[in-house]
Full PDB file with SEQRES, HELIX, SHEET, SSBOND, CRYST1, ORIGX, SCALE, CONECT and MASTER records, all heavy atoms in Angstrom:
SEQRES   1 A   40  GLY THR THR HIS TYR LEU GLY GLN ASN PHE SER LYS ALA          
SEQRES   2 A   40  PHE ASP ILE LYS PHE THR ASP LYS ASP GLY ALA GLN LYS          
SEQRES   3 A   40  TYR GLY HIS THR MET SER PHE GLY VAL SER THR ARG LEU          
SEQRES   4 A   40  ILE                                                          
HELIX    1 AA1 ASN A    9  PHE A   14  1                                   6    
HELIX    2 AA2 THR A   37  LEU A   39  5                                   3    
SHEET    1 AA1 2 THR A   2  GLY A   7  0                                        
SHEET    2 AA1 2 THR A  30  GLY A  34 -1                                        
SHEET    1 AA2 2 LYS A  17  THR A  19  0                                        
SHEET    2 AA2 2 GLN A  25  TYR A  27 -1                                        
CRYST1    1.000    1.000    1.000  90.00  90.00  90.00 P 1           1          
ORIGX1      1.000000  0.000000  0.000000        0.00000                         
ORIGX2      0.000000  1.000000  0.000000        0.00000                         
ORIGX3      0.000000  0.000000  1.000000        0.00000                         
SCALE1      1.000000  0.000000  0.000000        0.00000                         
SCALE2      0.000000  1.000000  0.000000        0.00000                         
SCALE3      0.000000  0.000000  1.000000        0.00000                         
ATOM      1  N   GLY A   1      36.067  56.970 -53.259  1.00  0.00           N  
ATOM      2  CA  GLY A   1      36.415  55.561 -53.410  1.00  0.00           C  
ATOM      3  C   GLY A   1      36.614  55.256 -54.886  1.00  0.00           C  
ATOM      4  O   GLY A   1      36.004  55.896 -55.750  1.00  0.00           O  
ATOM      5  N   THR A   2      37.481  54.283 -55.179  1.00  0.00           N  
ATOM      6  CA  THR A   2      37.719  53.905 -56.577  1.00  0.00           C  
ATOM      7  C   THR A   2      37.891  52.398 -56.692  1.00  0.00           C  
ATOM      8  O   THR A   2      38.361  51.735 -55.766  1.00  0.00           O  
ATOM      9  CB  THR A   2      38.993  54.579 -57.140  1.00  0.00           C  
ATOM     10  OG1 THR A   2      40.074  54.406 -56.219  1.00  0.00           O  
ATOM     11  CG2 THR A   2      38.783  56.058 -57.388  1.00  0.00           C  
ATOM     12  N   THR A   3      37.498  51.882 -57.842  1.00  0.00           N  
ATOM     13  CA  THR A   3      37.771  50.492 -58.195  1.00  0.00           C  
ATOM     14  C   THR A   3      38.476  50.492 -59.543  1.00  0.00           C  
ATOM     15  O   THR A   3      38.210  51.352 -60.392  1.00  0.00           O  
ATOM     16  CB  THR A   3      36.485  49.651 -58.266  1.00  0.00           C  
ATOM     17  OG1 THR A   3      35.682  50.091 -59.373  1.00  0.00           O  
ATOM     18  CG2 THR A   3      35.668  49.775 -56.989  1.00  0.00           C  
ATOM     19  N   HIS A   4      39.377  49.522 -59.733  1.00  0.00           N  
ATOM     20  CA  HIS A   4      40.228  49.529 -60.919  1.00  0.00           C  
ATOM     21  C   HIS A   4      40.259  48.156 -61.589  1.00  0.00           C  
ATOM     22  O   HIS A   4      40.568  47.150 -60.934  1.00  0.00           O  
ATOM     23  CB  HIS A   4      41.667  49.916 -60.546  1.00  0.00           C  
ATOM     24  CG  HIS A   4      41.767  51.087 -59.617  1.00  0.00           C  
ATOM     25  ND1 HIS A   4      41.565  52.383 -60.027  1.00  0.00           N  
ATOM     26  CD2 HIS A   4      42.035  51.142 -58.287  1.00  0.00           C  
ATOM     27  CE1 HIS A   4      41.705  53.199 -58.992  1.00  0.00           C  
ATOM     28  NE2 HIS A   4      41.986  52.470 -57.926  1.00  0.00           N  
ATOM     29  N   TYR A   5      39.937  48.135 -62.871  1.00  0.00           N  
ATOM     30  CA  TYR A   5      40.170  46.941 -63.675  1.00  0.00           C  
ATOM     31  C   TYR A   5      41.572  47.075 -64.241  1.00  0.00           C  
ATOM     32  O   TYR A   5      41.860  47.995 -65.017  1.00  0.00           O  
ATOM     33  CB  TYR A   5      39.123  46.814 -64.791  1.00  0.00           C  
ATOM     34  CG  TYR A   5      39.457  45.734 -65.785  1.00  0.00           C  
ATOM     35  CD1 TYR A   5      39.726  44.432 -65.375  1.00  0.00           C  
ATOM     36  CD2 TYR A   5      39.540  46.022 -67.152  1.00  0.00           C  
ATOM     37  CE1 TYR A   5      40.061  43.439 -66.275  1.00  0.00           C  
ATOM     38  CE2 TYR A   5      39.856  45.042 -68.071  1.00  0.00           C  
ATOM     39  CZ  TYR A   5      40.124  43.756 -67.630  1.00  0.00           C  
ATOM     40  OH  TYR A   5      40.460  42.771 -68.533  1.00  0.00           O  
ATOM     41  N   LEU A   6      42.456  46.156 -63.835  1.00  0.00           N  
ATOM     42  CA  LEU A   6      43.872  46.260 -64.193  1.00  0.00           C  
ATOM     43  C   LEU A   6      44.255  45.404 -65.384  1.00  0.00           C  
ATOM     44  O   LEU A   6      45.408  45.452 -65.833  1.00  0.00           O  
ATOM     45  CB  LEU A   6      44.733  45.865 -62.982  1.00  0.00           C  
ATOM     46  CG  LEU A   6      44.456  46.650 -61.693  1.00  0.00           C  
ATOM     47  CD1 LEU A   6      45.272  46.072 -60.543  1.00  0.00           C  
ATOM     48  CD2 LEU A   6      44.749  48.129 -61.877  1.00  0.00           C  
ATOM     49  N   GLY A   7      43.300  44.612 -65.908  1.00  0.00           N  
ATOM     50  CA  GLY A   7      43.592  43.753 -67.043  1.00  0.00           C  
ATOM     51  C   GLY A   7      44.720  42.787 -66.722  1.00  0.00           C  
ATOM     52  O   GLY A   7      44.770  42.186 -65.651  1.00  0.00           O  
ATOM     53  N   GLN A   8      45.660  42.658 -67.654  1.00  0.00           N  
ATOM     54  CA  GLN A   8      46.824  41.796 -67.438  1.00  0.00           C  
ATOM     55  C   GLN A   8      48.113  42.607 -67.259  1.00  0.00           C  
ATOM     56  O   GLN A   8      49.209  42.057 -67.291  1.00  0.00           O  
ATOM     57  CB  GLN A   8      46.969  40.831 -68.618  1.00  0.00           C  
ATOM     58  CG  GLN A   8      45.834  39.817 -68.722  1.00  0.00           C  
ATOM     59  CD  GLN A   8      46.011  38.861 -69.883  1.00  0.00           C  
ATOM     60  OE1 GLN A   8      46.420  39.264 -70.979  1.00  0.00           O  
ATOM     61  NE2 GLN A   8      45.691  37.594 -69.666  1.00  0.00           N  
ATOM     62  N   ASN A   9      47.964  43.920 -67.065  1.00  0.00           N  
ATOM     63  CA  ASN A   9      49.143  44.777 -66.941  1.00  0.00           C  
ATOM     64  C   ASN A   9      50.061  44.336 -65.807  1.00  0.00           C  
ATOM     65  O   ASN A   9      51.284  44.221 -65.970  1.00  0.00           O  
ATOM     66  CB  ASN A   9      48.725  46.235 -66.732  1.00  0.00           C  
ATOM     67  CG  ASN A   9      48.059  46.818 -67.957  1.00  0.00           C  
ATOM     68  OD1 ASN A   9      48.131  46.240 -69.044  1.00  0.00           O  
ATOM     69  ND2 ASN A   9      47.402  47.960 -67.807  1.00  0.00           N  
ATOM     70  N   PHE A  10      49.488  44.107 -64.637  1.00  0.00           N  
ATOM     71  CA  PHE A  10      50.298  43.706 -63.489  1.00  0.00           C  
ATOM     72  C   PHE A  10      50.588  42.207 -63.507  1.00  0.00           C  
ATOM     73  O   PHE A  10      51.624  41.768 -62.996  1.00  0.00           O  
ATOM     74  CB  PHE A  10      49.614  44.127 -62.184  1.00  0.00           C  
ATOM     75  CG  PHE A  10      49.651  45.609 -61.951  1.00  0.00           C  
ATOM     76  CD1 PHE A  10      48.657  46.432 -62.473  1.00  0.00           C  
ATOM     77  CD2 PHE A  10      50.693  46.188 -61.248  1.00  0.00           C  
ATOM     78  CE1 PHE A  10      48.693  47.805 -62.283  1.00  0.00           C  
ATOM     79  CE2 PHE A  10      50.742  47.565 -61.047  1.00  0.00           C  
ATOM     80  CZ  PHE A  10      49.744  48.382 -61.568  1.00  0.00           C  
ATOM     81  N   SER A  11      49.689  41.426 -64.098  1.00  0.00           N  
ATOM     82  CA  SER A  11      49.946  39.984 -64.210  1.00  0.00           C  
ATOM     83  C   SER A  11      51.195  39.719 -65.048  1.00  0.00           C  
ATOM     84  O   SER A  11      52.032  38.873 -64.698  1.00  0.00           O  
ATOM     85  CB  SER A  11      48.746  39.286 -64.852  1.00  0.00           C  
ATOM     86  OG  SER A  11      47.618  39.370 -64.024  1.00  0.00           O  
ATOM     87  N   LYS A  12      51.327  40.436 -66.145  1.00  0.00           N  
ATOM     88  CA  LYS A  12      52.500  40.242 -67.001  1.00  0.00           C  
ATOM     89  C   LYS A  12      53.759  40.816 -66.366  1.00  0.00           C  
ATOM     90  O   LYS A  12      54.850  40.251 -66.500  1.00  0.00           O  
ATOM     91  CB  LYS A  12      52.246  40.867 -68.370  1.00  0.00           C  
ATOM     92  CG  LYS A  12      51.185  40.114 -69.173  1.00  0.00           C  
ATOM     93  CD  LYS A  12      50.916  40.767 -70.523  1.00  0.00           C  
ATOM     94  CE  LYS A  12      49.881  39.962 -71.322  1.00  0.00           C  
ATOM     95  NZ  LYS A  12      49.567  40.590 -72.633  1.00  0.00           N  
ATOM     96  N   ALA A  13      53.602  41.918 -65.641  1.00  0.00           N  
ATOM     97  CA  ALA A  13      54.766  42.521 -64.995  1.00  0.00           C  
ATOM     98  C   ALA A  13      55.285  41.667 -63.845  1.00  0.00           C  
ATOM     99  O   ALA A  13      56.493  41.623 -63.585  1.00  0.00           O  
ATOM    100  CB  ALA A  13      54.415  43.919 -64.493  1.00  0.00           C  
ATOM    101  N   PHE A  14      54.367  40.961 -63.156  1.00  0.00           N  
ATOM    102  CA  PHE A  14      54.765  40.203 -61.971  1.00  0.00           C  
ATOM    103  C   PHE A  14      54.534  38.702 -62.123  1.00  0.00           C  
ATOM    104  O   PHE A  14      54.515  37.971 -61.141  1.00  0.00           O  
ATOM    105  CB  PHE A  14      54.034  40.761 -60.748  1.00  0.00           C  
ATOM    106  CG  PHE A  14      54.436  42.176 -60.447  1.00  0.00           C  
ATOM    107  CD1 PHE A  14      53.673  43.244 -60.913  1.00  0.00           C  
ATOM    108  CD2 PHE A  14      55.597  42.441 -59.751  1.00  0.00           C  
ATOM    109  CE1 PHE A  14      54.055  44.551 -60.662  1.00  0.00           C  
ATOM    110  CE2 PHE A  14      55.992  43.751 -59.498  1.00  0.00           C  
ATOM    111  CZ  PHE A  14      55.225  44.804 -59.963  1.00  0.00           C  
ATOM    112  N   ASP A  15      54.335  38.273 -63.363  1.00  0.00           N  
ATOM    113  CA  ASP A  15      54.298  36.853 -63.694  1.00  0.00           C  
ATOM    114  C   ASP A  15      53.208  36.095 -62.938  1.00  0.00           C  
ATOM    115  O   ASP A  15      53.445  35.019 -62.390  1.00  0.00           O  
ATOM    116  CB  ASP A  15      55.668  36.221 -63.422  1.00  0.00           C  
ATOM    117  CG  ASP A  15      55.922  35.004 -64.317  1.00  0.00           C  
ATOM    118  OD1 ASP A  15      55.413  35.001 -65.456  1.00  0.00           O  
ATOM    119  OD2 ASP A  15      56.620  34.079 -63.877  1.00  0.00           O  
ATOM    120  N   ILE A  16      52.007  36.671 -62.918  1.00  0.00           N  
ATOM    121  CA  ILE A  16      50.872  35.985 -62.294  1.00  0.00           C  
ATOM    122  C   ILE A  16      50.263  35.086 -63.369  1.00  0.00           C  
ATOM    123  O   ILE A  16      49.395  35.503 -64.145  1.00  0.00           O  
ATOM    124  CB  ILE A  16      49.830  36.981 -61.752  1.00  0.00           C  
ATOM    125  CG1 ILE A  16      50.499  37.999 -60.819  1.00  0.00           C  
ATOM    126  CG2 ILE A  16      48.712  36.237 -61.015  1.00  0.00           C  
ATOM    127  CD1 ILE A  16      49.578  39.107 -60.342  1.00  0.00           C  
ATOM    128  N   LYS A  17      50.737  33.847 -63.429  1.00  0.00           N  
ATOM    129  CA  LYS A  17      50.302  32.905 -64.458  1.00  0.00           C  
ATOM    130  C   LYS A  17      49.681  31.672 -63.805  1.00  0.00           C  
ATOM    131  O   LYS A  17      50.016  31.321 -62.675  1.00  0.00           O  
ATOM    132  CB  LYS A  17      51.478  32.477 -65.341  1.00  0.00           C  
ATOM    133  CG  LYS A  17      52.029  33.579 -66.219  1.00  0.00           C  
ATOM    134  CD  LYS A  17      53.023  33.048 -67.235  1.00  0.00           C  
ATOM    135  CE  LYS A  17      54.290  32.541 -66.583  1.00  0.00           C  
ATOM    136  NZ  LYS A  17      55.340  32.223 -67.586  1.00  0.00           N  
ATOM    137  N   PHE A  18      48.792  31.031 -64.555  1.00  0.00           N  
ATOM    138  CA  PHE A  18      48.180  29.804 -64.049  1.00  0.00           C  
ATOM    139  C   PHE A  18      48.018  28.811 -65.199  1.00  0.00           C  
ATOM    140  O   PHE A  18      47.907  29.203 -66.366  1.00  0.00           O  
ATOM    141  CB  PHE A  18      46.821  30.100 -63.409  1.00  0.00           C  
ATOM    142  CG  PHE A  18      45.772  30.586 -64.372  1.00  0.00           C  
ATOM    143  CD1 PHE A  18      44.829  29.709 -64.905  1.00  0.00           C  
ATOM    144  CD2 PHE A  18      45.721  31.922 -64.764  1.00  0.00           C  
ATOM    145  CE1 PHE A  18      43.865  30.151 -65.793  1.00  0.00           C  
ATOM    146  CE2 PHE A  18      44.753  32.377 -65.650  1.00  0.00           C  
ATOM    147  CZ  PHE A  18      43.821  31.481 -66.176  1.00  0.00           C  
ATOM    148  N   THR A  19      48.026  27.551 -64.852  1.00  0.00           N  
ATOM    149  CA  THR A  19      47.757  26.501 -65.830  1.00  0.00           C  
ATOM    150  C   THR A  19      46.255  26.283 -65.891  1.00  0.00           C  
ATOM    151  O   THR A  19      45.619  25.931 -64.896  1.00  0.00           O  
ATOM    152  CB  THR A  19      48.443  25.186 -65.445  1.00  0.00           C  
ATOM    153  OG1 THR A  19      49.859  25.427 -65.322  1.00  0.00           O  
ATOM    154  CG2 THR A  19      48.205  24.120 -66.502  1.00  0.00           C  
ATOM    155  N   ASP A  20      45.662  26.536 -67.051  1.00  0.00           N  
ATOM    156  CA  ASP A  20      44.208  26.450 -67.202  1.00  0.00           C  
ATOM    157  C   ASP A  20      43.763  24.993 -67.381  1.00  0.00           C  
ATOM    158  O   ASP A  20      44.583  24.076 -67.491  1.00  0.00           O  
ATOM    159  CB  ASP A  20      43.768  27.304 -68.396  1.00  0.00           C  
ATOM    160  CG  ASP A  20      42.337  27.816 -68.238  1.00  0.00           C  
ATOM    161  OD1 ASP A  20      41.651  27.362 -67.308  1.00  0.00           O  
ATOM    162  OD2 ASP A  20      41.934  28.663 -69.045  1.00  0.00           O  
ATOM    163  N   LYS A  21      42.458  24.811 -67.454  1.00  0.00           N  
ATOM    164  CA  LYS A  21      41.889  23.464 -67.587  1.00  0.00           C  
ATOM    165  C   LYS A  21      42.365  22.773 -68.861  1.00  0.00           C  
ATOM    166  O   LYS A  21      42.426  21.546 -68.917  1.00  0.00           O  
ATOM    167  CB  LYS A  21      40.362  23.534 -67.580  1.00  0.00           C  
ATOM    168  CG  LYS A  21      39.778  24.015 -66.262  1.00  0.00           C  
ATOM    169  CD  LYS A  21      38.258  24.123 -66.347  1.00  0.00           C  
ATOM    170  CE  LYS A  21      37.678  24.655 -65.050  1.00  0.00           C  
ATOM    171  NZ  LYS A  21      36.199  24.791 -65.116  1.00  0.00           N  
ATOM    172  N   ASP A  22      42.701  23.561 -69.893  1.00  0.00           N  
ATOM    173  CA  ASP A  22      43.157  22.978 -71.157  1.00  0.00           C  
ATOM    174  C   ASP A  22      44.664  22.702 -71.166  1.00  0.00           C  
ATOM    175  O   ASP A  22      45.225  22.306 -72.193  1.00  0.00           O  
ATOM    176  CB  ASP A  22      42.785  23.885 -72.330  1.00  0.00           C  
ATOM    177  CG  ASP A  22      43.384  25.291 -72.202  1.00  0.00           C  
ATOM    178  OD1 ASP A  22      44.195  25.514 -71.272  1.00  0.00           O  
ATOM    179  OD2 ASP A  22      43.025  26.158 -73.026  1.00  0.00           O  
ATOM    180  N   GLY A  23      45.318  22.946 -70.013  1.00  0.00           N  
ATOM    181  CA  GLY A  23      46.746  22.678 -69.914  1.00  0.00           C  
ATOM    182  C   GLY A  23      47.636  23.826 -70.343  1.00  0.00           C  
ATOM    183  O   GLY A  23      48.851  23.754 -70.191  1.00  0.00           O  
ATOM    184  N   ALA A  24      47.038  24.892 -70.868  1.00  0.00           N  
ATOM    185  CA  ALA A  24      47.821  26.038 -71.336  1.00  0.00           C  
ATOM    186  C   ALA A  24      48.105  27.001 -70.181  1.00  0.00           C  
ATOM    187  O   ALA A  24      47.295  27.163 -69.267  1.00  0.00           O  
ATOM    188  CB  ALA A  24      47.065  26.767 -72.442  1.00  0.00           C  
ATOM    189  N   GLN A  25      49.267  27.627 -70.234  1.00  0.00           N  
ATOM    190  CA  GLN A  25      49.601  28.642 -69.237  1.00  0.00           C  
ATOM    191  C   GLN A  25      49.061  29.994 -69.686  1.00  0.00           C  
ATOM    192  O   GLN A  25      49.264  30.415 -70.830  1.00  0.00           O  
ATOM    193  CB  GLN A  25      51.117  28.729 -69.038  1.00  0.00           C  
ATOM    194  CG  GLN A  25      51.682  27.663 -68.117  1.00  0.00           C  
ATOM    195  CD  GLN A  25      52.793  28.216 -67.229  1.00  0.00           C  
ATOM    196  OE1 GLN A  25      53.604  29.032 -67.668  1.00  0.00           O  
ATOM    197  NE2 GLN A  25      52.815  27.779 -65.978  1.00  0.00           N  
ATOM    198  N   LYS A  26      48.376  30.676 -68.769  1.00  0.00           N  
ATOM    199  CA  LYS A  26      47.747  31.955 -69.094  1.00  0.00           C  
ATOM    200  C   LYS A  26      48.022  32.961 -67.980  1.00  0.00           C  
ATOM    201  O   LYS A  26      48.225  32.583 -66.823  1.00  0.00           O  
ATOM    202  CB  LYS A  26      46.239  31.769 -69.268  1.00  0.00           C  
ATOM    203  CG  LYS A  26      45.860  30.804 -70.389  1.00  0.00           C  
ATOM    204  CD  LYS A  26      44.352  30.588 -70.456  1.00  0.00           C  
ATOM    205  CE  LYS A  26      43.991  29.593 -71.555  1.00  0.00           C  
ATOM    206  NZ  LYS A  26      42.539  29.311 -71.613  1.00  0.00           N  
ATOM    207  N   TYR A  27      48.006  34.234 -68.363  1.00  0.00           N  
ATOM    208  CA  TYR A  27      48.125  35.294 -67.370  1.00  0.00           C  
ATOM    209  C   TYR A  27      46.752  35.570 -66.752  1.00  0.00           C  
ATOM    210  O   TYR A  27      45.737  35.579 -67.442  1.00  0.00           O  
ATOM    211  CB  TYR A  27      48.660  36.578 -67.998  1.00  0.00           C  
ATOM    212  CG  TYR A  27      50.136  36.510 -68.330  1.00  0.00           C  
ATOM    213  CD1 TYR A  27      50.565  36.328 -69.649  1.00  0.00           C  
ATOM    214  CD2 TYR A  27      51.089  36.632 -67.327  1.00  0.00           C  
ATOM    215  CE1 TYR A  27      51.916  36.266 -69.948  1.00  0.00           C  
ATOM    216  CE2 TYR A  27      52.454  36.575 -67.628  1.00  0.00           C  
ATOM    217  CZ  TYR A  27      52.845  36.391 -68.931  1.00  0.00           C  
ATOM    218  OH  TYR A  27      54.192  36.322 -69.240  1.00  0.00           O  
ATOM    219  N   GLY A  28      46.750  35.824 -65.433  1.00  0.00           N  
ATOM    220  CA  GLY A  28      45.507  36.178 -64.766  1.00  0.00           C  
ATOM    221  C   GLY A  28      45.079  37.595 -65.100  1.00  0.00           C  
ATOM    222  O   GLY A  28      45.843  38.395 -65.663  1.00  0.00           O  
ATOM    223  N   HIS A  29      43.845  37.896 -64.755  1.00  0.00           N  
ATOM    224  CA  HIS A  29      43.285  39.247 -64.923  1.00  0.00           C  
ATOM    225  C   HIS A  29      43.016  39.796 -63.524  1.00  0.00           C  
ATOM    226  O   HIS A  29      42.360  39.139 -62.714  1.00  0.00           O  
ATOM    227  CB  HIS A  29      42.001  39.198 -65.741  1.00  0.00           C  
ATOM    228  CG  HIS A  29      42.204  38.700 -67.139  1.00  0.00           C  
ATOM    229  ND1 HIS A  29      42.266  39.532 -68.231  1.00  0.00           N  
ATOM    230  CD2 HIS A  29      42.378  37.443 -67.622  1.00  0.00           C  
ATOM    231  CE1 HIS A  29      42.457  38.820 -69.329  1.00  0.00           C  
ATOM    232  NE2 HIS A  29      42.525  37.545 -68.979  1.00  0.00           N  
ATOM    233  N   THR A  30      43.514  40.985 -63.240  1.00  0.00           N  
ATOM    234  CA  THR A  30      43.452  41.497 -61.871  1.00  0.00           C  
ATOM    235  C   THR A  30      42.621  42.769 -61.768  1.00  0.00           C  
ATOM    236  O   THR A  30      42.359  43.459 -62.762  1.00  0.00           O  
ATOM    237  CB  THR A  30      44.863  41.784 -61.320  1.00  0.00           C  
ATOM    238  OG1 THR A  30      45.464  42.863 -62.045  1.00  0.00           O  
ATOM    239  CG2 THR A  30      45.750  40.545 -61.425  1.00  0.00           C  
ATOM    240  N   MET A  31      42.211  43.047 -60.534  1.00  0.00           N  
ATOM    241  CA  MET A  31      41.496  44.292 -60.224  1.00  0.00           C  
ATOM    242  C   MET A  31      41.849  44.683 -58.792  1.00  0.00           C  
ATOM    243  O   MET A  31      42.329  43.863 -58.006  1.00  0.00           O  
ATOM    244  CB  MET A  31      39.985  44.136 -60.382  1.00  0.00           C  
ATOM    245  CG  MET A  31      39.313  43.087 -59.518  1.00  0.00           C  
ATOM    246  SD  MET A  31      38.938  43.591 -57.803  1.00  0.00           S  
ATOM    247  CE  MET A  31      37.759  44.911 -58.045  1.00  0.00           C  
ATOM    248  N   SER A  32      41.618  45.941 -58.462  1.00  0.00           N  
ATOM    249  CA  SER A  32      41.846  46.409 -57.099  1.00  0.00           C  
ATOM    250  C   SER A  32      40.836  47.490 -56.764  1.00  0.00           C  
ATOM    251  O   SER A  32      40.182  48.057 -57.654  1.00  0.00           O  
ATOM    252  CB  SER A  32      43.276  46.938 -56.923  1.00  0.00           C  
ATOM    253  OG  SER A  32      43.497  48.087 -57.730  1.00  0.00           O  
ATOM    254  N   PHE A  33      40.710  47.775 -55.470  1.00  0.00           N  
ATOM    255  CA  PHE A  33      39.745  48.795 -55.042  1.00  0.00           C  
ATOM    256  C   PHE A  33      40.166  49.336 -53.679  1.00  0.00           C  
ATOM    257  O   PHE A  33      40.833  48.642 -52.902  1.00  0.00           O  
ATOM    258  CB  PHE A  33      38.320  48.224 -54.980  1.00  0.00           C  
ATOM    259  CG  PHE A  33      38.167  47.011 -54.091  1.00  0.00           C  
ATOM    260  CD1 PHE A  33      37.719  47.129 -52.788  1.00  0.00           C  
ATOM    261  CD2 PHE A  33      38.468  45.742 -54.570  1.00  0.00           C  
ATOM    262  CE1 PHE A  33      37.566  46.016 -51.972  1.00  0.00           C  
ATOM    263  CE2 PHE A  33      38.318  44.614 -53.758  1.00  0.00           C  
ATOM    264  CZ  PHE A  33      37.873  44.746 -52.460  1.00  0.00           C  
ATOM    265  N   GLY A  34      39.797  50.591 -53.379  1.00  0.00           N  
ATOM    266  CA  GLY A  34      40.212  51.162 -52.104  1.00  0.00           C  
ATOM    267  C   GLY A  34      39.412  52.381 -51.688  1.00  0.00           C  
ATOM    268  O   GLY A  34      38.946  53.166 -52.517  1.00  0.00           O  
ATOM    269  N   VAL A  35      39.232  52.494 -50.375  1.00  0.00           N  
ATOM    270  CA  VAL A  35      38.733  53.722 -49.740  1.00  0.00           C  
ATOM    271  C   VAL A  35      39.656  54.028 -48.572  1.00  0.00           C  
ATOM    272  O   VAL A  35      40.380  53.160 -48.095  1.00  0.00           O  
ATOM    273  CB  VAL A  35      37.279  53.603 -49.234  1.00  0.00           C  
ATOM    274  CG1 VAL A  35      36.307  53.345 -50.366  1.00  0.00           C  
ATOM    275  CG2 VAL A  35      37.156  52.528 -48.146  1.00  0.00           C  
ATOM    276  N   SER A  36      39.614  55.256 -48.083  1.00  0.00           N  
ATOM    277  CA  SER A  36      40.554  55.669 -47.052  1.00  0.00           C  
ATOM    278  C   SER A  36      39.871  56.504 -45.983  1.00  0.00           C  
ATOM    279  O   SER A  36      38.657  56.737 -46.012  1.00  0.00           O  
ATOM    280  CB  SER A  36      41.695  56.484 -47.687  1.00  0.00           C  
ATOM    281  OG  SER A  36      41.233  57.781 -48.028  1.00  0.00           O  
ATOM    282  N   THR A  37      40.703  56.992 -45.040  1.00  0.00           N  
ATOM    283  CA  THR A  37      40.208  57.892 -44.000  1.00  0.00           C  
ATOM    284  C   THR A  37      39.685  59.199 -44.591  1.00  0.00           C  
ATOM    285  O   THR A  37      39.099  60.004 -43.866  1.00  0.00           O  
ATOM    286  CB  THR A  37      41.324  58.194 -42.980  1.00  0.00           C  
ATOM    287  OG1 THR A  37      42.584  58.333 -43.650  1.00  0.00           O  
ATOM    288  CG2 THR A  37      41.441  57.088 -41.961  1.00  0.00           C  
ATOM    289  N   ARG A  38      39.851  59.393 -45.879  1.00  0.00           N  
ATOM    290  CA  ARG A  38      39.223  60.536 -46.562  1.00  0.00           C  
ATOM    291  C   ARG A  38      37.702  60.503 -46.378  1.00  0.00           C  
ATOM    292  O   ARG A  38      37.039  61.554 -46.418  1.00  0.00           O  
ATOM    293  CB  ARG A  38      39.591  60.482 -48.043  1.00  0.00           C  
ATOM    294  CG  ARG A  38      38.864  61.482 -48.912  1.00  0.00           C  
ATOM    295  CD  ARG A  38      39.337  61.400 -50.341  1.00  0.00           C  
ATOM    296  NE  ARG A  38      40.458  62.297 -50.534  1.00  0.00           N  
ATOM    297  CZ  ARG A  38      40.668  62.986 -51.662  1.00  0.00           C  
ATOM    298  NH1 ARG A  38      39.873  62.857 -52.682  1.00  0.00           N  
ATOM    299  NH2 ARG A  38      41.698  63.789 -51.770  1.00  0.00           N  
ATOM    300  N   LEU A  39      37.136  59.311 -46.172  1.00  0.00           N  
ATOM    301  CA  LEU A  39      35.695  59.206 -45.953  1.00  0.00           C  
ATOM    302  C   LEU A  39      35.241  60.006 -44.734  1.00  0.00           C  
ATOM    303  O   LEU A  39      34.106  60.488 -44.688  1.00  0.00           O  
ATOM    304  CB  LEU A  39      35.280  57.740 -45.793  1.00  0.00           C  
ATOM    305  CG  LEU A  39      35.263  56.886 -47.055  1.00  0.00           C  
ATOM    306  CD1 LEU A  39      34.912  55.444 -46.720  1.00  0.00           C  
ATOM    307  CD2 LEU A  39      34.282  57.438 -48.094  1.00  0.00           C  
ATOM    308  N   ILE A  40      36.122  60.133 -43.738  1.00  0.00           N  
ATOM    309  CA  ILE A  40      35.751  60.936 -42.572  1.00  0.00           C  
ATOM    310  C   ILE A  40      35.617  62.398 -42.971  1.00  0.00           C  
ATOM    311  O   ILE A  40      34.704  63.105 -42.537  1.00  0.00           O  
ATOM    312  CB  ILE A  40      36.772  60.744 -41.435  1.00  0.00           C  
ATOM    313  CG1 ILE A  40      36.816  59.270 -41.015  1.00  0.00           C  
ATOM    314  CG2 ILE A  40      36.429  61.634 -40.239  1.00  0.00           C  
ATOM    315  CD1 ILE A  40      37.854  58.955 -39.964  1.00  0.00           C  
TER     316      ILE A  40                                                      
MASTER        0    0    0    2    4    0    0    6  315    1    0    4          
END                                                                             
């Protein structure tokens, strides 16, 4: 099994932006994780 901190690499590539409480537009920070039938 693995978990991944992706930083803003995919946010910048796919324009995952949000308007923050201060009114500024910022890129999100993403992560992912996965396990498979390899566990069997």
